[in-house]
Amino acid sequence: MIYLADTANIDELKELFSYFPIEGVTTNPTIIAMEKKPMSVIMPQLVDLVGERMLHVQVISNQAEDMVREAIAYKDKYHLGDNYFAKIPVTKEGYKAMPLIKKEGIHVTATAIFTQQQALVAAKAGADWVAPYVNRLDNISSHGIEVVGNIVDNIERYGLKTGVLAASFKTVDQVHRVSMMGSQAATISFEILERLRSHPMTDMSVEWFEKDAKGLYDIEF
């Protein structure tokens, strides 16, 4: 499964990129708002830091034609290449915009997905990725993991060239379960990524190794 960082915090991304095999970054208006900085400040920093990794940038326009112009504007202004994905919500105007953005040579990530049918329609509209929200479904007594599994099954059954990018996590277990469902990717907050890679028993094991090795590992390096 591909891991992406769901944050626009430059310090968090620098920390993650120093050790975690992150293959991209996702953003949305809520994530941008958390940084209390305008897009004109955040985007150049993200572009420089992300490099050739995937960069998913959500548009804020509501009309299809404006979504297309906004997606193109980001690409042109920051000289983005094949690693750039315009995030488009699965609204009526969003579905209309997806094939138009694809015609401009820009990849599309369909976002704000809560049902299998929304994802399937987005895939048919040409989306490269579909991003179902796991925890938000769980919060309304629905079944986010099951929805992800249904989306994966549908895409495979119909031979569609769309990846599933699961999003909205509050626990490591949710990430674990979507990976077992076959989700090709997950975008995860800094906090959850830190929890995901660590375990107290691992820390204890390292401490035991160091104690047992004392005075025995005498080869210089």
N, C-alpha and C. Protein backbone atom coordinates (compact mmCIF):
# COMPACT_ATOMS: atom_id res chain seq x y z
N MET A 1 0.84 -1.20 0.00
CA MET A 1 0.00 0.00 0.00
C MET A 1 0.88 1.25 0.00
N ILE A 2 0.45 2.23 -0.75
CA ILE A 2 1.17 3.50 -0.82
C ILE A 2 0.76 4.38 0.36
N TYR A 3 1.75 4.94 1.04
CA TYR A 3 1.48 5.86 2.13
C TYR A 3 1.65 7.30 1.66
N LEU A 4 0.65 8.13 1.94
CA LEU A 4 0.74 9.55 1.69
C LEU A 4 0.51 10.30 2.99
N ALA A 5 1.07 11.49 3.08
CA ALA A 5 0.92 12.32 4.28
C ALA A 5 -0.21 13.32 4.06
N ASP A 6 -1.17 13.31 4.95
CA ASP A 6 -2.32 14.20 4.85
C ASP A 6 -2.07 15.43 5.72
N THR A 7 -1.16 16.28 5.27
CA THR A 7 -0.78 17.46 6.03
C THR A 7 -0.12 18.47 5.10
N ALA A 8 -0.20 19.74 5.47
CA ALA A 8 0.52 20.80 4.77
C ALA A 8 1.54 21.45 5.68
N ASN A 9 1.78 20.81 6.83
CA ASN A 9 2.74 21.35 7.79
C ASN A 9 4.16 20.99 7.34
N ILE A 10 4.95 21.98 7.03
CA ILE A 10 6.29 21.74 6.47
C ILE A 10 7.19 21.01 7.45
N ASP A 11 7.13 21.35 8.72
CA ASP A 11 7.97 20.67 9.72
C ASP A 11 7.60 19.20 9.83
N GLU A 12 6.30 18.91 9.84
CA GLU A 12 5.86 17.51 9.90
C GLU A 12 6.33 16.74 8.67
N LEU A 13 6.23 17.36 7.51
CA LEU A 13 6.64 16.69 6.28
C LEU A 13 8.14 16.45 6.25
N LYS A 14 8.92 17.40 6.69
CA LYS A 14 10.37 17.21 6.74
C LYS A 14 10.72 16.04 7.64
N GLU A 15 10.04 15.95 8.78
CA GLU A 15 10.28 14.84 9.71
C GLU A 15 9.92 13.50 9.05
N LEU A 16 8.76 13.44 8.42
CA LEU A 16 8.32 12.20 7.78
C LEU A 16 9.24 11.80 6.64
N PHE A 17 9.62 12.76 5.81
CA PHE A 17 10.47 12.45 4.67
C PHE A 17 11.86 11.98 5.08
N SER A 18 12.25 12.27 6.33
CA SER A 18 13.58 11.87 6.78
C SER A 18 13.68 10.37 7.05
N TYR A 19 12.54 9.70 7.23
CA TYR A 19 12.62 8.27 7.55
C TYR A 19 11.48 7.42 7.00
N PHE A 20 10.31 8.01 6.76
CA PHE A 20 9.14 7.22 6.38
C PHE A 20 9.04 7.16 4.85
N PRO A 21 8.75 6.01 4.27
CA PRO A 21 8.65 5.90 2.80
C PRO A 21 7.37 6.53 2.25
N ILE A 22 7.21 7.81 2.52
CA ILE A 22 6.05 8.56 2.03
C ILE A 22 6.18 8.78 0.52
N GLU A 23 5.10 8.52 -0.20
CA GLU A 23 5.14 8.66 -1.65
C GLU A 23 4.33 9.84 -2.17
N GLY A 24 3.85 10.66 -1.25
CA GLY A 24 3.11 11.83 -1.69
C GLY A 24 2.46 12.57 -0.54
N VAL A 25 1.83 13.69 -0.90
CA VAL A 25 1.18 14.56 0.07
C VAL A 25 -0.21 14.92 -0.46
N THR A 26 -1.17 14.95 0.44
CA THR A 26 -2.51 15.41 0.07
C THR A 26 -2.87 16.64 0.89
N THR A 27 -3.63 17.52 0.29
CA THR A 27 -4.09 18.72 0.98
C THR A 27 -5.58 18.92 0.71
N ASN A 28 -6.19 19.72 1.55
CA ASN A 28 -7.56 20.18 1.31
C ASN A 28 -7.72 21.50 2.04
N PRO A 29 -8.82 22.20 1.85
CA PRO A 29 -8.98 23.51 2.51
C PRO A 29 -8.87 23.46 4.02
N THR A 30 -9.33 22.39 4.65
CA THR A 30 -9.24 22.27 6.10
C THR A 30 -7.79 22.16 6.55
N ILE A 31 -7.01 21.37 5.83
CA ILE A 31 -5.58 21.21 6.15
C ILE A 31 -4.84 22.53 5.95
N ILE A 32 -5.17 23.24 4.88
CA ILE A 32 -4.53 24.54 4.63
C ILE A 32 -4.89 25.51 5.74
N ALA A 33 -6.16 25.51 6.17
CA ALA A 33 -6.61 26.43 7.22
C ALA A 33 -5.88 26.18 8.53
N MET A 34 -5.52 24.94 8.81
CA MET A 34 -4.81 24.61 10.04
C MET A 34 -3.44 25.28 10.12
N GLU A 35 -2.85 25.57 8.96
CA GLU A 35 -1.53 26.20 8.93
C GLU A 35 -1.60 27.72 9.06
N LYS A 36 -2.82 28.26 8.92
CA LYS A 36 -3.03 29.71 9.05
C LYS A 36 -2.13 30.51 8.10
N LYS A 37 -1.97 29.97 6.90
CA LYS A 37 -1.19 30.63 5.86
C LYS A 37 -1.95 30.51 4.55
N PRO A 38 -1.85 31.50 3.67
CA PRO A 38 -2.55 31.41 2.38
C PRO A 38 -1.86 30.41 1.44
N MET A 39 -2.59 29.97 0.45
CA MET A 39 -2.05 29.04 -0.54
C MET A 39 -0.80 29.58 -1.21
N SER A 40 -0.75 30.91 -1.43
CA SER A 40 0.41 31.51 -2.11
C SER A 40 1.69 31.33 -1.32
N VAL A 41 1.57 31.12 -0.02
CA VAL A 41 2.74 30.87 0.82
C VAL A 41 3.03 29.38 0.93
N ILE A 42 1.98 28.58 1.12
CA ILE A 42 2.16 27.15 1.35
C ILE A 42 2.56 26.39 0.09
N MET A 43 1.95 26.72 -1.04
CA MET A 43 2.20 25.94 -2.26
C MET A 43 3.67 25.89 -2.68
N PRO A 44 4.38 27.02 -2.74
CA PRO A 44 5.80 26.93 -3.14
C PRO A 44 6.62 26.06 -2.20
N GLN A 45 6.31 26.12 -0.90
CA GLN A 45 7.03 25.28 0.06
C GLN A 45 6.73 23.80 -0.16
N LEU A 46 5.46 23.48 -0.41
CA LEU A 46 5.09 22.09 -0.67
C LEU A 46 5.74 21.56 -1.94
N VAL A 47 5.69 22.36 -2.98
CA VAL A 47 6.26 21.94 -4.26
C VAL A 47 7.76 21.65 -4.12
N ASP A 48 8.48 22.54 -3.44
CA ASP A 48 9.91 22.34 -3.24
C ASP A 48 10.20 21.09 -2.42
N LEU A 49 9.42 20.89 -1.38
CA LEU A 49 9.67 19.78 -0.46
C LEU A 49 9.26 18.44 -1.06
N VAL A 50 8.14 18.40 -1.72
CA VAL A 50 7.61 17.15 -2.25
C VAL A 50 8.45 16.64 -3.42
N GLY A 51 8.98 17.54 -4.21
CA GLY A 51 9.80 17.11 -5.34
C GLY A 51 9.00 16.33 -6.36
N GLU A 52 9.43 15.10 -6.66
CA GLU A 52 8.76 14.27 -7.66
C GLU A 52 7.71 13.35 -7.05
N ARG A 53 7.52 13.43 -5.75
CA ARG A 53 6.46 12.65 -5.12
C ARG A 53 5.09 13.21 -5.55
N MET A 54 4.04 12.44 -5.31
CA MET A 54 2.70 12.90 -5.66
C MET A 54 2.28 14.09 -4.80
N LEU A 55 1.61 15.04 -5.44
CA LEU A 55 1.05 16.19 -4.74
C LEU A 55 -0.41 16.35 -5.16
N HIS A 56 -1.31 16.14 -4.21
CA HIS A 56 -2.75 16.23 -4.46
C HIS A 56 -3.26 17.55 -3.89
N VAL A 57 -3.76 18.40 -4.76
CA VAL A 57 -4.19 19.74 -4.34
C VAL A 57 -5.68 19.91 -4.65
N GLN A 58 -6.46 20.21 -3.63
CA GLN A 58 -7.90 20.34 -3.82
C GLN A 58 -8.28 21.72 -4.32
N VAL A 59 -9.18 21.74 -5.29
CA VAL A 59 -9.71 23.01 -5.78
C VAL A 59 -10.84 23.45 -4.86
N ILE A 60 -11.09 24.75 -4.84
CA ILE A 60 -12.15 25.29 -3.99
C ILE A 60 -13.32 25.83 -4.81
N SER A 61 -13.16 25.89 -6.12
CA SER A 61 -14.23 26.39 -7.00
C SER A 61 -15.44 25.46 -6.96
N ASN A 62 -16.62 26.02 -7.23
CA ASN A 62 -17.86 25.25 -7.19
C ASN A 62 -18.40 24.89 -8.56
N GLN A 63 -18.04 25.66 -9.58
CA GLN A 63 -18.53 25.41 -10.93
C GLN A 63 -17.45 24.69 -11.75
N ALA A 64 -17.90 23.80 -12.62
CA ALA A 64 -16.97 22.95 -13.37
C ALA A 64 -15.93 23.75 -14.13
N GLU A 65 -16.37 24.79 -14.84
CA GLU A 65 -15.43 25.58 -15.63
C GLU A 65 -14.38 26.24 -14.75
N ASP A 66 -14.81 26.69 -13.57
CA ASP A 66 -13.86 27.32 -12.64
C ASP A 66 -12.92 26.27 -12.04
N MET A 67 -13.41 25.08 -11.80
CA MET A 67 -12.56 24.00 -11.31
C MET A 67 -11.43 23.71 -12.30
N VAL A 68 -11.80 23.68 -13.57
CA VAL A 68 -10.80 23.41 -14.61
C VAL A 68 -9.75 24.52 -14.63
N ARG A 69 -10.22 25.78 -14.61
CA ARG A 69 -9.28 26.90 -14.62
C ARG A 69 -8.38 26.89 -13.40
N GLU A 70 -8.95 26.56 -12.24
CA GLU A 70 -8.16 26.53 -11.01
C GLU A 70 -7.11 25.43 -11.06
N ALA A 71 -7.51 24.27 -11.53
CA ALA A 71 -6.56 23.15 -11.63
C ALA A 71 -5.41 23.48 -12.58
N ILE A 72 -5.73 24.12 -13.69
CA ILE A 72 -4.70 24.52 -14.65
C ILE A 72 -3.80 25.59 -14.05
N ALA A 73 -4.39 26.51 -13.30
CA ALA A 73 -3.61 27.62 -12.71
C ALA A 73 -2.53 27.09 -11.78
N TYR A 74 -2.87 26.09 -10.95
CA TYR A 74 -1.86 25.52 -10.06
C TYR A 74 -0.74 24.86 -10.86
N LYS A 75 -1.14 24.12 -11.89
CA LYS A 75 -0.13 23.43 -12.69
C LYS A 75 0.82 24.40 -13.36
N ASP A 76 0.26 25.44 -13.97
CA ASP A 76 1.08 26.40 -14.71
C ASP A 76 1.93 27.27 -13.79
N LYS A 77 1.34 27.75 -12.71
CA LYS A 77 2.06 28.66 -11.82
C LYS A 77 3.25 28.00 -11.15
N TYR A 78 3.09 26.72 -10.79
CA TYR A 78 4.14 26.04 -10.04
C TYR A 78 4.87 24.98 -10.87
N HIS A 79 4.62 25.01 -12.18
CA HIS A 79 5.33 24.12 -13.12
C HIS A 79 5.22 22.66 -12.68
N LEU A 80 4.01 22.25 -12.37
CA LEU A 80 3.78 20.89 -11.89
C LEU A 80 3.71 19.91 -13.05
N GLY A 81 4.17 18.69 -12.79
CA GLY A 81 4.21 17.67 -13.83
C GLY A 81 3.25 16.53 -13.57
N ASP A 82 3.66 15.31 -13.94
CA ASP A 82 2.79 14.14 -13.81
C ASP A 82 2.54 13.74 -12.36
N ASN A 83 3.27 14.34 -11.44
CA ASN A 83 3.05 14.02 -10.02
C ASN A 83 1.92 14.84 -9.41
N TYR A 84 1.32 15.71 -10.20
CA TYR A 84 0.27 16.61 -9.71
C TYR A 84 -1.11 16.01 -9.96
N PHE A 85 -1.96 16.04 -8.91
CA PHE A 85 -3.33 15.55 -8.99
C PHE A 85 -4.27 16.63 -8.47
N ALA A 86 -5.23 17.02 -9.28
CA ALA A 86 -6.25 17.98 -8.85
C ALA A 86 -7.34 17.21 -8.11
N LYS A 87 -7.60 17.60 -6.86
CA LYS A 87 -8.62 16.95 -6.06
C LYS A 87 -9.97 17.61 -6.33
N ILE A 88 -10.92 16.80 -6.77
CA ILE A 88 -12.23 17.31 -7.18
C ILE A 88 -13.32 16.61 -6.36
N PRO A 89 -14.13 17.36 -5.61
CA PRO A 89 -15.23 16.74 -4.86
C PRO A 89 -16.26 16.11 -5.80
N VAL A 90 -16.91 15.06 -5.31
CA VAL A 90 -17.85 14.33 -6.16
C VAL A 90 -19.25 14.98 -6.11
N THR A 91 -19.30 16.23 -6.54
CA THR A 91 -20.56 16.94 -6.72
C THR A 91 -20.97 16.83 -8.19
N LYS A 92 -22.15 17.34 -8.50
CA LYS A 92 -22.58 17.36 -9.90
C LYS A 92 -21.58 18.11 -10.76
N GLU A 93 -21.15 19.29 -10.31
CA GLU A 93 -20.16 20.07 -11.06
C GLU A 93 -18.80 19.39 -11.06
N GLY A 94 -18.49 18.68 -9.98
CA GLY A 94 -17.22 17.96 -9.92
C GLY A 94 -17.14 16.86 -10.95
N TYR A 95 -18.22 16.08 -11.06
CA TYR A 95 -18.26 15.03 -12.08
C TYR A 95 -18.13 15.62 -13.48
N LYS A 96 -18.74 16.76 -13.67
CA LYS A 96 -18.65 17.43 -14.97
C LYS A 96 -17.23 17.88 -15.25
N ALA A 97 -16.54 18.33 -14.21
CA ALA A 97 -15.18 18.86 -14.38
C ALA A 97 -14.13 17.77 -14.62
N MET A 98 -14.34 16.59 -14.05
CA MET A 98 -13.30 15.55 -14.09
C MET A 98 -12.80 15.23 -15.51
N PRO A 99 -13.68 14.89 -16.46
CA PRO A 99 -13.17 14.60 -17.81
C PRO A 99 -12.57 15.82 -18.49
N LEU A 100 -13.05 17.02 -18.15
CA LEU A 100 -12.50 18.23 -18.75
C LEU A 100 -11.07 18.47 -18.26
N ILE A 101 -10.84 18.21 -16.97
CA ILE A 101 -9.49 18.36 -16.41
C ILE A 101 -8.56 17.31 -16.99
N LYS A 102 -9.08 16.10 -17.18
CA LYS A 102 -8.26 15.05 -17.78
C LYS A 102 -7.84 15.42 -19.20
N LYS A 103 -8.74 16.08 -19.93
CA LYS A 103 -8.40 16.51 -21.29
C LYS A 103 -7.27 17.52 -21.31
N GLU A 104 -7.09 18.22 -20.20
CA GLU A 104 -6.00 19.20 -20.08
C GLU A 104 -4.68 18.54 -19.67
N GLY A 105 -4.69 17.22 -19.55
CA GLY A 105 -3.48 16.50 -19.20
C GLY A 105 -3.16 16.52 -17.72
N ILE A 106 -4.18 16.75 -16.90
CA ILE A 106 -4.01 16.82 -15.45
C ILE A 106 -4.69 15.62 -14.81
N HIS A 107 -3.99 14.96 -13.90
CA HIS A 107 -4.56 13.83 -13.18
C HIS A 107 -5.63 14.31 -12.20
N VAL A 108 -6.57 13.41 -11.89
CA VAL A 108 -7.70 13.77 -11.03
C VAL A 108 -7.80 12.80 -9.86
N THR A 109 -7.99 13.36 -8.68
CA THR A 109 -8.33 12.59 -7.49
C THR A 109 -9.73 13.01 -7.06
N ALA A 110 -10.68 12.09 -7.11
CA ALA A 110 -12.05 12.38 -6.69
C ALA A 110 -12.11 12.27 -5.17
N THR A 111 -12.63 13.30 -4.52
CA THR A 111 -12.60 13.34 -3.06
C THR A 111 -13.98 13.56 -2.46
N ALA A 112 -14.05 13.48 -1.12
CA ALA A 112 -15.30 13.61 -0.37
C ALA A 112 -16.28 12.50 -0.75
N ILE A 113 -15.75 11.29 -0.87
CA ILE A 113 -16.55 10.12 -1.26
C ILE A 113 -17.05 9.39 -0.02
N PHE A 114 -18.34 9.07 -0.02
CA PHE A 114 -18.94 8.37 1.11
C PHE A 114 -19.69 7.10 0.72
N THR A 115 -19.82 6.84 -0.58
CA THR A 115 -20.51 5.63 -1.02
C THR A 115 -19.76 4.96 -2.15
N GLN A 116 -20.05 3.69 -2.31
CA GLN A 116 -19.44 2.92 -3.41
C GLN A 116 -19.86 3.48 -4.76
N GLN A 117 -21.11 3.91 -4.89
CA GLN A 117 -21.59 4.42 -6.17
C GLN A 117 -20.93 5.75 -6.54
N GLN A 118 -20.71 6.61 -5.56
CA GLN A 118 -19.98 7.86 -5.85
C GLN A 118 -18.60 7.55 -6.42
N ALA A 119 -17.93 6.57 -5.83
CA ALA A 119 -16.59 6.20 -6.30
C ALA A 119 -16.64 5.60 -7.70
N LEU A 120 -17.63 4.76 -7.95
CA LEU A 120 -17.75 4.12 -9.25
C LEU A 120 -18.03 5.14 -10.35
N VAL A 121 -18.91 6.09 -10.06
CA VAL A 121 -19.20 7.14 -11.04
C VAL A 121 -17.95 7.98 -11.32
N ALA A 122 -17.19 8.31 -10.26
CA ALA A 122 -15.96 9.08 -10.44
C ALA A 122 -14.94 8.32 -11.28
N ALA A 123 -14.84 7.02 -11.03
CA ALA A 123 -13.92 6.20 -11.82
C ALA A 123 -14.33 6.20 -13.29
N LYS A 124 -15.62 6.09 -13.56
CA LYS A 124 -16.12 6.12 -14.94
C LYS A 124 -15.91 7.49 -15.57
N ALA A 125 -15.86 8.54 -14.73
CA ALA A 125 -15.63 9.90 -15.23
C ALA A 125 -14.15 10.17 -15.49
N GLY A 126 -13.31 9.20 -15.14
CA GLY A 126 -11.89 9.33 -15.47
C GLY A 126 -10.97 9.60 -14.31
N ALA A 127 -11.47 9.56 -13.08
CA ALA A 127 -10.62 9.83 -11.93
C ALA A 127 -9.49 8.80 -11.83
N ASP A 128 -8.30 9.29 -11.54
CA ASP A 128 -7.15 8.39 -11.35
C ASP A 128 -7.17 7.76 -9.96
N TRP A 129 -7.67 8.53 -8.98
CA TRP A 129 -7.82 8.04 -7.62
C TRP A 129 -9.21 8.41 -7.12
N VAL A 130 -9.77 7.56 -6.28
CA VAL A 130 -10.99 7.89 -5.55
C VAL A 130 -10.66 7.83 -4.06
N ALA A 131 -11.12 8.84 -3.31
CA ALA A 131 -10.74 8.97 -1.91
C ALA A 131 -11.97 8.87 -0.99
N PRO A 132 -12.29 7.65 -0.55
CA PRO A 132 -13.39 7.50 0.41
C PRO A 132 -12.95 7.90 1.82
N TYR A 133 -13.87 8.53 2.57
CA TYR A 133 -13.59 9.00 3.92
C TYR A 133 -14.01 7.93 4.93
N VAL A 134 -13.05 7.35 5.59
CA VAL A 134 -13.32 6.21 6.47
C VAL A 134 -13.91 6.65 7.80
N ASN A 135 -13.20 7.47 8.56
CA ASN A 135 -13.66 7.80 9.90
C ASN A 135 -14.95 8.62 9.90
N ARG A 136 -15.12 9.47 8.91
CA ARG A 136 -16.34 10.28 8.88
C ARG A 136 -17.56 9.39 8.70
N LEU A 137 -17.40 8.28 7.95
CA LEU A 137 -18.49 7.32 7.83
C LEU A 137 -18.72 6.61 9.15
N ASP A 138 -17.63 6.21 9.80
CA ASP A 138 -17.77 5.53 11.09
C ASP A 138 -18.47 6.43 12.11
N ASN A 139 -18.24 7.73 12.03
CA ASN A 139 -18.82 8.67 12.98
C ASN A 139 -20.34 8.81 12.84
N ILE A 140 -20.88 8.41 11.71
CA ILE A 140 -22.32 8.49 11.52
C ILE A 140 -22.94 7.09 11.51
N SER A 141 -22.28 6.18 12.23
CA SER A 141 -22.76 4.80 12.39
C SER A 141 -22.84 4.05 11.07
N SER A 142 -22.02 4.46 10.13
CA SER A 142 -21.90 3.70 8.89
C SER A 142 -20.66 2.82 9.01
N HIS A 143 -20.20 2.27 7.90
CA HIS A 143 -19.10 1.32 7.95
C HIS A 143 -18.05 1.70 6.90
N GLY A 144 -17.14 2.59 7.31
CA GLY A 144 -16.15 3.11 6.37
C GLY A 144 -15.28 2.04 5.76
N ILE A 145 -14.84 1.08 6.56
CA ILE A 145 -13.97 0.02 6.05
C ILE A 145 -14.69 -0.81 5.01
N GLU A 146 -15.95 -1.13 5.28
CA GLU A 146 -16.75 -1.92 4.34
C GLU A 146 -16.94 -1.18 3.03
N VAL A 147 -17.17 0.12 3.10
CA VAL A 147 -17.32 0.92 1.89
C VAL A 147 -16.04 0.88 1.06
N VAL A 148 -14.89 1.01 1.71
CA VAL A 148 -13.61 0.92 0.99
C VAL A 148 -13.49 -0.43 0.30
N GLY A 149 -13.84 -1.51 1.02
CA GLY A 149 -13.77 -2.85 0.42
C GLY A 149 -14.67 -2.99 -0.78
N ASN A 150 -15.88 -2.42 -0.70
CA ASN A 150 -16.81 -2.48 -1.83
C ASN A 150 -16.27 -1.72 -3.04
N ILE A 151 -15.65 -0.58 -2.78
CA ILE A 151 -15.07 0.21 -3.87
C ILE A 151 -13.94 -0.56 -4.54
N VAL A 152 -13.06 -1.14 -3.74
CA VAL A 152 -11.96 -1.94 -4.29
C VAL A 152 -12.51 -3.07 -5.15
N ASP A 153 -13.51 -3.79 -4.64
CA ASP A 153 -14.10 -4.91 -5.38
C ASP A 153 -14.70 -4.46 -6.70
N ASN A 154 -15.42 -3.34 -6.68
CA ASN A 154 -16.06 -2.84 -7.91
C ASN A 154 -15.03 -2.46 -8.96
N ILE A 155 -14.01 -1.75 -8.55
CA ILE A 155 -13.00 -1.29 -9.51
C ILE A 155 -12.29 -2.48 -10.13
N GLU A 156 -11.99 -3.48 -9.32
CA GLU A 156 -11.34 -4.69 -9.85
C GLU A 156 -12.30 -5.46 -10.76
N ARG A 157 -13.56 -5.58 -10.35
CA ARG A 157 -14.54 -6.36 -11.11
C ARG A 157 -14.76 -5.77 -12.50
N TYR A 158 -14.78 -4.44 -12.58
CA TYR A 158 -15.07 -3.80 -13.86
C TYR A 158 -13.82 -3.37 -14.61
N GLY A 159 -12.66 -3.74 -14.10
CA GLY A 159 -11.41 -3.48 -14.80
C GLY A 159 -11.11 -2.00 -15.01
N LEU A 160 -11.46 -1.17 -14.04
CA LEU A 160 -11.24 0.27 -14.18
C LEU A 160 -9.83 0.64 -13.74
N LYS A 161 -9.26 1.61 -14.41
CA LYS A 161 -7.88 2.02 -14.11
C LYS A 161 -7.88 3.16 -13.09
N THR A 162 -8.42 2.87 -11.93
CA THR A 162 -8.54 3.85 -10.85
C THR A 162 -8.04 3.23 -9.56
N GLY A 163 -7.27 3.99 -8.80
CA GLY A 163 -6.79 3.51 -7.51
C GLY A 163 -7.65 4.02 -6.38
N VAL A 164 -7.66 3.28 -5.28
CA VAL A 164 -8.41 3.69 -4.09
C VAL A 164 -7.43 4.32 -3.11
N LEU A 165 -7.70 5.57 -2.78
CA LEU A 165 -6.88 6.34 -1.84
C LEU A 165 -7.72 6.61 -0.59
N ALA A 166 -7.68 5.69 0.34
CA ALA A 166 -8.50 5.83 1.54
C ALA A 166 -8.03 7.03 2.37
N ALA A 167 -8.98 7.73 2.97
CA ALA A 167 -8.67 8.95 3.72
C ALA A 167 -9.53 9.00 4.98
N SER A 168 -9.22 9.99 5.84
CA SER A 168 -9.96 10.24 7.07
C SER A 168 -9.80 9.08 8.05
N PHE A 169 -8.70 9.13 8.81
CA PHE A 169 -8.42 8.10 9.81
C PHE A 169 -8.26 8.74 11.19
N LYS A 170 -8.70 8.00 12.20
CA LYS A 170 -8.48 8.42 13.58
C LYS A 170 -7.71 7.37 14.37
N THR A 171 -7.56 6.17 13.82
CA THR A 171 -6.85 5.11 14.51
C THR A 171 -5.95 4.35 13.56
N VAL A 172 -4.91 3.74 14.13
CA VAL A 172 -4.03 2.87 13.34
C VAL A 172 -4.81 1.65 12.84
N ASP A 173 -5.74 1.17 13.65
CA ASP A 173 -6.53 0.00 13.25
C ASP A 173 -7.32 0.26 11.97
N GLN A 174 -7.82 1.46 11.80
CA GLN A 174 -8.54 1.78 10.56
C GLN A 174 -7.61 1.67 9.36
N VAL A 175 -6.39 2.16 9.52
CA VAL A 175 -5.40 2.05 8.43
C VAL A 175 -5.11 0.59 8.13
N HIS A 176 -4.91 -0.19 9.20
CA HIS A 176 -4.66 -1.63 9.04
C HIS A 176 -5.78 -2.29 8.26
N ARG A 177 -7.01 -1.99 8.62
CA ARG A 177 -8.14 -2.69 8.01
C ARG A 177 -8.35 -2.29 6.55
N VAL A 178 -8.11 -1.03 6.18
CA VAL A 178 -8.25 -0.68 4.76
C VAL A 178 -7.14 -1.32 3.94
N SER A 179 -5.96 -1.50 4.54
CA SER A 179 -4.89 -2.19 3.81
C SER A 179 -5.27 -3.64 3.56
N MET A 180 -5.94 -4.26 4.53
CA MET A 180 -6.38 -5.64 4.36
C MET A 180 -7.54 -5.74 3.37
N MET A 181 -8.24 -4.65 3.17
CA MET A 181 -9.32 -4.62 2.18
C MET A 181 -8.80 -4.44 0.76
N GLY A 182 -7.50 -4.14 0.64
CA GLY A 182 -6.92 -4.00 -0.69
C GLY A 182 -6.82 -2.59 -1.20
N SER A 183 -7.03 -1.60 -0.33
CA SER A 183 -6.87 -0.20 -0.76
C SER A 183 -5.43 0.02 -1.23
N GLN A 184 -5.28 0.57 -2.42
CA GLN A 184 -3.93 0.74 -2.98
C GLN A 184 -3.13 1.82 -2.26
N ALA A 185 -3.81 2.74 -1.60
CA ALA A 185 -3.12 3.85 -0.94
C ALA A 185 -3.95 4.36 0.22
N ALA A 186 -3.28 5.07 1.10
CA ALA A 186 -3.97 5.73 2.21
C ALA A 186 -3.26 7.03 2.51
N THR A 187 -4.02 8.08 2.75
CA THR A 187 -3.44 9.35 3.14
C THR A 187 -3.73 9.56 4.62
N ILE A 188 -2.67 9.80 5.39
CA ILE A 188 -2.73 9.66 6.84
C ILE A 188 -2.08 10.86 7.51
N SER A 189 -2.63 11.29 8.62
CA SER A 189 -2.08 12.43 9.35
C SER A 189 -0.73 12.08 9.96
N PHE A 190 0.03 13.11 10.30
CA PHE A 190 1.34 12.93 10.93
C PHE A 190 1.22 12.11 12.21
N GLU A 191 0.23 12.43 13.03
CA GLU A 191 0.07 11.74 14.31
C GLU A 191 -0.17 10.25 14.13
N ILE A 192 -1.05 9.89 13.20
CA ILE A 192 -1.35 8.47 12.98
C ILE A 192 -0.17 7.76 12.33
N LEU A 193 0.55 8.41 11.43
CA LEU A 193 1.74 7.80 10.85
C LEU A 193 2.78 7.49 11.91
N GLU A 194 2.95 8.41 12.87
CA GLU A 194 3.89 8.18 13.95
C GLU A 194 3.47 6.98 14.81
N ARG A 195 2.18 6.87 15.08
CA ARG A 195 1.69 5.72 15.86
C ARG A 195 1.84 4.42 15.06
N LEU A 196 1.59 4.51 13.77
CA LEU A 196 1.60 3.34 12.91
C LEU A 196 2.96 2.65 12.88
N ARG A 197 4.02 3.45 12.84
CA ARG A 197 5.36 2.87 12.67
C ARG A 197 5.98 2.43 14.00
N SER A 198 5.36 2.76 15.13
CA SER A 198 5.99 2.49 16.42
C SER A 198 5.22 1.45 17.22
N HIS A 199 5.91 0.86 18.21
CA HIS A 199 5.27 -0.08 19.12
C HIS A 199 6.13 -0.15 20.38
N PRO A 200 5.52 -0.11 21.57
CA PRO A 200 6.32 -0.15 22.81
C PRO A 200 7.18 -1.40 22.93
N MET A 201 6.72 -2.53 22.39
CA MET A 201 7.51 -3.75 22.45
C MET A 201 8.76 -3.65 21.59
N THR A 202 8.66 -2.91 20.48
CA THR A 202 9.85 -2.67 19.65
C THR A 202 10.88 -1.88 20.43
N ASP A 203 10.43 -0.83 21.11
CA ASP A 203 11.35 -0.02 21.93
C ASP A 203 12.00 -0.85 23.02
N MET A 204 11.20 -1.71 23.66
CA MET A 204 11.74 -2.57 24.71
C MET A 204 12.76 -3.56 24.14
N SER A 205 12.47 -4.10 22.97
CA SER A 205 13.38 -5.06 22.34
C SER A 205 14.72 -4.41 22.05
N VAL A 206 14.70 -3.18 21.55
CA VAL A 206 15.94 -2.47 21.25
C VAL A 206 16.73 -2.24 22.53
N GLU A 207 16.04 -1.88 23.60
CA GLU A 207 16.72 -1.69 24.89
C GLU A 207 17.38 -2.99 25.36
N TRP A 208 16.69 -4.10 25.19
CA TRP A 208 17.27 -5.40 25.58
C TRP A 208 18.49 -5.72 24.73
N PHE A 209 18.39 -5.47 23.43
CA PHE A 209 19.53 -5.73 22.54
C PHE A 209 20.76 -4.95 23.00
N GLU A 210 20.55 -3.67 23.28
CA GLU A 210 21.66 -2.82 23.69
C GLU A 210 22.28 -3.31 25.00
N LYS A 211 21.43 -3.73 25.92
CA LYS A 211 21.92 -4.25 27.20
C LYS A 211 22.71 -5.53 27.00
N ASP A 212 22.19 -6.46 26.20
CA ASP A 212 22.85 -7.75 25.99
C ASP A 212 24.14 -7.62 25.20
N ALA A 213 24.22 -6.59 24.35
CA ALA A 213 25.39 -6.43 23.49
C ALA A 213 26.55 -5.72 24.18
N LYS A 214 26.29 -5.16 25.35
CA LYS A 214 27.31 -4.36 26.03
C LYS A 214 28.59 -5.17 26.25
N GLY A 215 29.70 -4.63 25.73
CA GLY A 215 31.01 -5.26 25.90
C GLY A 215 31.28 -6.39 24.92
N LEU A 216 30.31 -6.73 24.06
CA LEU A 216 30.48 -7.85 23.13
C LEU A 216 30.66 -7.41 21.67
N TYR A 217 30.07 -6.32 21.33
CA TYR A 217 30.19 -5.83 19.94
C TYR A 217 31.43 -4.93 19.89
N ASP A 218 32.57 -5.57 19.62
CA ASP A 218 33.85 -4.87 19.72
C ASP A 218 34.51 -4.63 18.36
N ILE A 219 33.74 -4.74 17.29
CA ILE A 219 34.27 -4.47 15.95
C ILE A 219 34.06 -3.01 15.62
N GLU A 220 35.16 -2.34 15.24
CA GLU A 220 35.05 -0.92 14.93
C GLU A 220 34.36 -0.69 13.60
N PHE A 221 33.66 0.42 13.51
CA PHE A 221 33.00 0.80 12.24
C PHE A 221 32.88 2.30 12.16
